[in-house]
Amino acid sequence: MTERLFEIKREISVKTYDIDFAGHVSNIVYLRWMEDLRLAIFDEYFPLMNLMEEGYLPIITESRIQYKKSVDLFDKPVGSMWIARMRAASFDFEGEILVGAEVATRAFHTGLFINSKTMKPVRVPQIIKDKAKPSHSCR
């Protein structure tokens, strides 16, 4: 099992505009929900505005979503997201959306930071390394 650094959980409200022609949540909505969860990690642990003021721009380089079970209009999904792995210059987010105890969706995203002036990748910001669990080290 991977580590769950900076894990957050949020209730998700399914809106009528999230529903596709088949009567359940559209695939694109899951991407939006995952982005909302990633931003919640930043909000809670290392505010994005502060990082961007220091010249760090976060980008996602890869996304993969596994759709396990449909989410419907009156479901009460709960989303979780965490950093599963952190390397010197990149990190892997993992997330899931549960309806009750059942996993409806799992997501995997790789991200990194680029320098706002050079637009080149840079090492993970020190504030993130400092806030990571003491047992975790960047490789």
Protein backbone atom coordinates (compact mmCIF):
# COMPACT_ATOMS: atom_id res chain seq x y z
CA MET A 1 0.00 0.00 0.00
CA THR A 2 1.24 3.46 -0.83
CA GLU A 3 1.66 6.25 1.64
CA ARG A 4 -1.17 8.77 1.89
CA LEU A 5 0.59 12.10 2.34
CA PHE A 6 -1.64 15.14 2.76
CA GLU A 7 -4.85 13.12 2.46
CA ILE A 8 -8.11 15.04 2.28
CA LYS A 9 -11.75 13.88 2.15
CA ARG A 10 -14.71 15.84 0.89
CA GLU A 11 -18.40 15.18 0.38
CA ILE A 12 -19.36 15.70 -3.25
CA SER A 13 -22.70 17.09 -4.33
CA VAL A 14 -24.02 15.62 -7.57
CA LYS A 15 -25.78 18.31 -9.62
CA THR A 16 -28.36 17.84 -12.34
CA TYR A 17 -25.89 19.29 -14.87
CA ASP A 18 -23.37 16.54 -13.93
CA ILE A 19 -25.66 13.87 -15.40
CA ASP A 20 -25.19 12.58 -18.94
CA PHE A 21 -27.73 11.15 -21.39
CA ALA A 22 -27.45 7.69 -19.77
CA GLY A 23 -28.65 9.06 -16.41
CA HIS A 24 -25.41 9.01 -14.42
CA VAL A 25 -22.43 11.29 -13.85
CA SER A 26 -20.56 12.16 -17.04
CA ASN A 27 -16.92 11.06 -17.33
CA ILE A 28 -15.68 14.63 -17.64
CA VAL A 29 -17.25 15.50 -14.28
CA TYR A 30 -15.00 12.99 -12.54
CA LEU A 31 -11.97 14.88 -13.89
CA ARG A 32 -13.39 18.12 -12.47
CA TRP A 33 -14.04 16.48 -9.11
CA MET A 34 -10.46 15.16 -9.03
CA GLU A 35 -9.12 18.62 -9.84
CA ASP A 36 -11.24 20.05 -7.01
CA LEU A 37 -9.75 17.45 -4.65
CA ARG A 38 -6.18 18.22 -5.75
CA LEU A 39 -6.81 21.92 -5.18
CA ALA A 40 -8.20 21.11 -1.73
CA ILE A 41 -4.84 19.52 -0.84
CA PHE A 42 -3.11 22.75 -1.80
CA ASP A 43 -5.66 24.85 0.11
CA GLU A 44 -5.23 22.80 3.27
CA TYR A 45 -1.49 22.13 3.31
CA PHE A 46 0.42 24.62 1.12
CA PRO A 47 -1.66 27.41 -0.42
CA LEU A 48 -1.31 27.56 -4.18
CA MET A 49 -1.22 31.36 -4.20
CA ASN A 50 1.92 31.33 -2.02
CA LEU A 51 3.63 28.76 -4.24
CA MET A 52 2.76 30.70 -7.39
CA GLU A 53 4.03 33.95 -5.85
CA GLU A 54 7.35 32.14 -5.34
CA GLY A 55 7.40 31.16 -9.01
CA TYR A 56 6.14 27.56 -8.77
CA LEU A 57 3.43 26.53 -11.25
CA PRO A 58 1.88 23.08 -10.70
CA ILE A 59 1.03 21.03 -13.76
CA ILE A 60 -0.39 17.58 -14.31
CA THR A 61 1.61 15.51 -16.80
CA GLU A 62 -0.53 12.39 -16.77
CA SER A 63 -4.06 11.40 -15.68
CA ARG A 64 -5.73 8.01 -15.55
CA ILE A 65 -9.18 7.24 -14.21
CA GLN A 66 -10.77 3.86 -13.55
CA TYR A 67 -14.56 3.92 -13.62
CA LYS A 68 -15.70 1.06 -11.41
CA LYS A 69 -19.37 1.91 -10.75
CA SER A 70 -21.63 4.68 -11.99
CA VAL A 71 -22.57 7.56 -9.71
CA ASP A 72 -26.17 8.68 -10.03
CA LEU A 73 -28.02 11.91 -9.27
CA PHE A 74 -29.15 11.11 -5.73
CA ASP A 75 -25.98 9.32 -4.60
CA LYS A 76 -23.89 10.87 -1.83
CA PRO A 77 -20.30 10.36 -3.03
CA VAL A 78 -17.26 11.12 -0.89
CA GLY A 79 -13.97 11.91 -2.57
CA SER A 80 -10.48 11.37 -1.19
CA MET A 81 -7.15 12.47 -2.62
CA TRP A 82 -3.57 12.16 -1.39
CA ILE A 83 0.01 12.23 -2.59
CA ALA A 84 1.03 8.59 -2.89
CA ARG A 85 4.64 9.10 -3.99
CA MET A 86 6.93 12.08 -4.01
CA ARG A 87 10.18 12.17 -5.92
CA ALA A 88 12.75 14.96 -6.20
CA ALA A 89 10.91 16.72 -9.03
CA SER A 90 7.51 15.03 -9.37
CA PHE A 91 4.73 13.48 -7.34
CA ASP A 92 1.87 11.06 -7.84
CA PHE A 93 -1.63 11.86 -6.66
CA GLU A 94 -4.12 9.07 -6.08
CA GLY A 95 -7.77 9.51 -5.37
CA GLU A 96 -11.03 7.70 -5.11
CA ILE A 97 -14.71 8.41 -5.01
CA LEU A 98 -16.83 6.19 -2.83
CA VAL A 99 -20.58 5.76 -2.72
CA GLY A 100 -21.20 4.21 0.65
CA ALA A 101 -18.39 1.71 1.16
CA GLU A 102 -18.05 0.95 -2.55
CA VAL A 103 -15.31 2.48 -4.72
CA ALA A 104 -16.96 4.07 -7.74
CA THR A 105 -13.86 5.67 -9.23
CA ARG A 106 -10.08 5.59 -8.76
CA ALA A 107 -7.76 8.22 -10.19
CA PHE A 108 -4.02 8.47 -10.72
CA HIS A 109 -2.27 11.71 -11.64
CA THR A 110 1.40 12.60 -12.01
CA GLY A 111 2.37 16.18 -11.44
CA LEU A 112 5.34 18.45 -11.18
CA PHE A 113 6.16 22.12 -10.79
CA ILE A 114 7.62 24.37 -13.42
CA ASN A 115 9.40 27.66 -12.87
CA SER A 116 7.15 30.57 -13.90
CA LYS A 117 10.04 32.41 -15.62
CA THR A 118 11.82 29.57 -17.41
CA MET A 119 8.79 27.27 -17.83
CA LYS A 120 11.14 24.37 -17.04
CA PRO A 121 10.56 21.65 -14.41
CA VAL A 122 11.97 22.30 -10.93
CA ARG A 123 12.36 20.27 -7.76
CA VAL A 124 9.39 19.84 -5.43
CA PRO A 125 9.18 23.04 -3.34
CA GLN A 126 10.87 22.85 0.06
CA ILE A 127 7.64 23.74 1.91
CA ILE A 128 6.04 20.54 0.60
CA LYS A 129 9.07 18.43 1.58
CA ASP A 130 9.11 20.07 5.03
CA LYS A 131 5.42 19.32 5.63
CA ALA A 132 5.69 15.69 4.47
CA LYS A 133 5.76 13.04 7.17
CA PRO A 134 9.20 12.68 8.80
CA SER A 135 9.39 9.06 7.62
CA HIS A 136 9.08 10.15 3.98
CA SER A 137 12.06 11.25 1.94
CA CYS A 138 12.33 12.46 -1.63
CA ARG A 139 14.35 10.15 -3.84
